[in-house]
Protein backbone atom coordinates (compact mmCIF):
# COMPACT_ATOMS: atom_id res chain seq x y z
CA MET A 1 -4.67 -12.52 23.95
CA THR A 2 -8.30 -12.76 25.02
CA LYS A 3 -10.94 -15.28 24.00
CA LYS A 4 -12.99 -12.45 22.48
CA THR A 5 -10.10 -11.46 20.20
CA LEU A 6 -9.60 -15.04 19.01
CA VAL A 7 -13.32 -15.43 18.34
CA VAL A 8 -13.39 -12.22 16.29
CA LEU A 9 -10.37 -13.41 14.27
CA ALA A 10 -12.02 -16.80 13.70
CA VAL A 11 -15.19 -15.11 12.44
CA LEU A 12 -13.17 -12.89 10.13
CA THR A 13 -11.55 -15.92 8.50
CA THR A 14 -14.90 -17.40 7.48
CA ALA A 15 -15.71 -14.54 5.08
CA THR A 16 -15.82 -15.37 1.39
CA VAL A 17 -12.88 -14.63 -0.86
CA ALA A 18 -12.79 -14.24 -4.61
CA ASN A 19 -9.83 -15.44 -6.62
CA ALA A 20 -8.69 -11.92 -7.47
CA LYS A 21 -5.32 -10.61 -8.46
CA LEU A 22 -4.71 -7.35 -6.65
CA ILE A 23 -1.45 -5.45 -7.01
CA LEU A 24 0.28 -3.00 -4.67
CA ASN A 25 1.72 0.00 -6.49
CA ILE A 26 4.18 2.07 -4.44
CA ASN A 27 4.72 5.71 -5.40
CA GLU A 28 7.96 6.57 -3.61
CA VAL A 29 7.89 10.18 -4.82
CA CYS A 30 4.76 11.08 -2.87
CA ASP A 31 4.95 8.19 -0.35
CA THR A 32 1.62 6.61 -1.21
CA ILE A 33 0.27 3.15 -1.95
CA THR A 34 -2.33 2.33 -4.58
CA ILE A 35 -4.15 -1.00 -4.88
CA ILE A 36 -4.86 -2.00 -8.48
CA GLY A 37 -7.12 -4.76 -9.80
CA ASP A 38 -6.42 -6.87 -12.88
CA GLY A 39 -10.00 -6.78 -14.17
CA ALA A 40 -10.34 -10.55 -14.38
CA THR A 41 -12.36 -10.98 -11.20
CA ALA A 42 -15.64 -9.55 -9.94
CA SER A 43 -16.25 -8.45 -6.38
CA PRO A 44 -16.49 -9.19 -3.47
CA VAL A 45 -12.98 -9.30 -2.06
CA SER A 46 -11.89 -8.68 1.52
CA ALA A 47 -8.21 -8.24 2.24
CA TYR A 48 -5.75 -6.93 4.78
CA LEU A 49 -2.76 -4.72 4.10
CA PHE A 50 -0.08 -5.74 6.63
CA VAL A 51 2.98 -3.60 7.38
CA GLU A 52 6.11 -5.16 8.88
CA GLY A 53 9.33 -3.35 9.75
CA SER A 54 9.78 0.30 10.68
CA GLY A 55 7.04 2.36 9.15
CA SER A 56 3.29 2.85 9.04
CA ILE A 57 0.31 3.46 6.78
CA ALA A 58 -2.40 6.09 7.15
CA GLY A 59 -5.56 7.04 5.34
CA GLY A 60 -6.86 5.53 2.16
CA ASN A 61 -9.47 6.45 -0.42
CA ILE A 62 -11.68 3.84 -2.09
CA VAL A 63 -11.93 4.49 -5.82
CA TYR A 64 -13.73 1.23 -6.67
CA PRO A 65 -17.36 2.12 -7.52
CA GLY A 66 -18.87 -0.71 -5.46
CA SER A 67 -21.57 0.53 -3.10
CA LEU A 68 -20.64 -1.89 -0.28
CA SER A 69 -16.91 -1.09 -0.09
CA GLU A 70 -15.04 -0.15 3.09
CA TYR A 71 -11.54 0.80 4.13
CA ASP A 72 -10.72 0.55 7.85
CA ASP A 73 -7.46 1.42 9.56
CA LEU A 74 -5.98 -0.29 12.63
CA GLU A 75 -7.87 1.90 15.09
CA ALA A 76 -11.26 1.15 13.49
CA ILE A 77 -10.48 -2.59 13.35
CA ALA A 78 -9.44 -2.58 17.02
CA GLY A 79 -12.60 -0.64 17.93
CA ASN A 80 -14.76 -3.22 16.12
CA MET A 81 -12.94 -5.97 18.02
CA GLY A 82 -13.39 -4.13 21.32
CA VAL A 83 -9.65 -4.08 22.07
CA SER A 84 -6.81 -1.57 21.95
CA PRO A 85 -4.83 -1.14 18.70
CA GLN A 86 -1.82 -2.78 20.40
CA ASP A 87 -3.91 -5.81 21.40
CA ALA A 88 -5.36 -6.07 17.89
CA LEU A 89 -1.84 -5.98 16.40
CA ALA A 90 -0.67 -8.63 18.86
CA ALA A 91 -3.64 -10.86 17.97
CA PHE A 92 -3.08 -10.54 14.21
CA SER A 93 0.68 -10.95 14.64
CA ALA A 94 0.24 -14.23 16.52
CA PHE A 95 -2.56 -15.49 14.24
CA ILE A 96 -0.68 -14.99 10.95
CA SER A 97 2.85 -15.55 12.34
CA LYS A 98 4.20 -12.10 11.51
CA PRO A 99 6.21 -11.07 14.61
CA ASN A 100 7.28 -7.71 13.12
CA LEU A 101 3.73 -6.54 12.33
CA ILE A 102 3.43 -2.83 13.13
CA ASP A 103 0.35 -1.63 11.25
CA LEU A 104 -2.55 -2.91 9.18
CA SER A 105 -5.73 -1.94 7.40
CA MET A 106 -8.73 -3.86 6.07
CA ILE A 107 -10.16 -3.41 2.58
CA THR A 108 -13.57 -4.69 1.50
CA LEU A 109 -14.40 -4.28 -2.18
CA ALA A 110 -18.02 -5.25 -2.75
CA ASP A 111 -20.85 -4.07 -4.95
CA GLY A 112 -24.60 -4.44 -4.48
CA THR A 113 -25.45 -4.03 -8.16
CA ILE A 114 -26.03 -6.81 -10.68
CA PRO A 115 -23.67 -7.44 -12.34
CA PRO A 116 -21.11 -6.18 -9.82
CA ALA A 117 -18.38 -3.82 -10.98
CA MET A 118 -15.16 -5.59 -11.98
CA LEU A 119 -12.04 -5.21 -9.90
CA GLN A 120 -9.97 -3.34 -12.48
CA GLY A 121 -7.75 -0.31 -12.48
CA THR A 122 -7.26 1.73 -9.34
CA LEU A 123 -9.35 0.34 -6.50
CA VAL A 124 -7.86 2.14 -3.47
CA ASP A 125 -5.48 5.09 -3.56
CA SER A 126 -3.91 7.70 -1.28
CA ILE A 127 -2.78 5.24 1.39
CA GLY A 128 -0.03 7.24 3.06
CA LEU A 129 3.22 5.38 3.63
CA THR A 130 5.89 6.33 6.17
CA VAL A 131 9.15 4.39 6.08
CA ALA A 132 11.88 4.87 8.69
CA ASP A 133 14.22 2.12 7.50
CA SER A 134 12.46 -0.58 5.49
CA VAL A 135 8.99 -2.09 5.43
CA VAL A 136 7.41 -5.18 3.95
CA LEU A 137 3.87 -4.64 2.69
CA THR A 138 1.67 -7.70 2.26
CA LEU A 139 -1.80 -7.61 0.72
CA MET A 140 -3.49 -10.78 1.98
CA SER A 141 -7.01 -12.13 1.62
CA ASP A 142 -9.17 -12.42 4.70
CA ASP A 143 -8.72 -16.20 4.49
CA PHE A 144 -5.14 -15.48 5.73
CA VAL A 145 -3.77 -17.91 3.14
CA THR A 146 -4.02 -16.12 -0.22
CA VAL A 147 -1.33 -13.48 -0.70
CA PHE A 148 -2.24 -11.08 -3.50
CA ASP A 149 1.02 -9.10 -3.51
CA THR A 150 4.08 -8.33 -1.40
CA LYS A 151 6.41 -5.36 -1.76
CA THR A 152 9.50 -4.27 0.18
CA VAL A 153 10.30 -0.57 0.44
CA TYR A 154 13.74 0.61 1.53
CA VAL A 155 14.97 4.02 2.56
CA PRO A 156 18.46 4.53 1.15
CA GLU A 157 21.22 5.12 3.65
CA PRO A 158 22.34 8.79 4.01
CA VAL A 159 25.69 8.26 2.23
CA SER A 160 23.89 6.89 -0.83
CA LEU A 161 21.56 9.90 -0.88
CA VAL A 162 24.52 12.30 -0.70
CA LEU A 163 26.33 10.52 -3.56
CA LEU A 164 23.14 10.50 -5.63
CA GLY A 165 22.70 14.24 -5.01
CA LEU A 166 26.31 15.01 -5.98
CA GLY A 167 25.93 12.97 -9.16
CA GLY A 168 22.79 14.93 -10.01
CA LEU A 169 24.60 18.24 -9.49
CA LEU A 170 27.47 17.13 -11.73
CA LEU A 171 25.04 16.07 -14.46
CA ARG A 172 23.19 19.36 -14.18
CA ARG A 173 26.44 21.29 -14.51
CA LYS A 174 27.46 19.22 -17.53
CA PHE A 175 24.14 19.88 -19.25
CA LYS A 176 24.40 23.62 -18.56
CA ILE A 177 27.87 23.70 -20.18
CA TYR A 178 26.54 21.71 -23.14
CA ASP A 179 23.57 24.07 -23.42
CA CYS A 180 25.93 27.07 -23.49
CA GLN A 181 28.01 25.41 -26.23
CA LEU A 182 24.89 24.89 -28.34
CA LYS A 183 23.90 28.54 -28.00
CA ILE A 184 27.37 29.64 -29.13
CA ARG A 185 27.27 27.32 -32.15
CA MET A 186 23.72 28.12 -33.10
CA PRO A 187 22.92 31.77 -32.40
CA CYS A 188 19.30 32.91 -32.52
CA ARG A 189 18.18 34.41 -35.82
CA LYS A 190 16.53 37.81 -35.87
CA GLU A 191 13.62 38.20 -38.22
């Protein structure tokens, strides 16, 4: 870890933080993450989305109407620090004591208008999530102390998926038989 990396991390920790409640919403059907605000706090808020385990995040679309908002992925953060993505991950991992850190992004939700837009509803959406086994997602303020939300996402083992699929097929078959019985009992009327 270089001195330059530590200085950049120290500067990042001095940014202001609002006492916001931000929530991670995981949509496992389309493998995306949405960040939702509770509406009780105004901007600005700067936070990091940390990924630990075997997976990654990609992309992200800011929905919050604030004119000073940004969403940066690991590569952009590393570029701003002047280091490689691997060195940036190593620096963050050591700084926040997360040895299994594999990906991250930075979210700044700020508004230049008076009064600033509230942090409510969907703030960031379409953050792609890839999970190989299981991941722990942590949304943490840039003070590296305040944790807004933490979620764990698991990929079911193959045997569980097969059993779930077989159960679904059996239920489907049962409903088809039941549907046929209803049609026999209640024939359609011709008018």
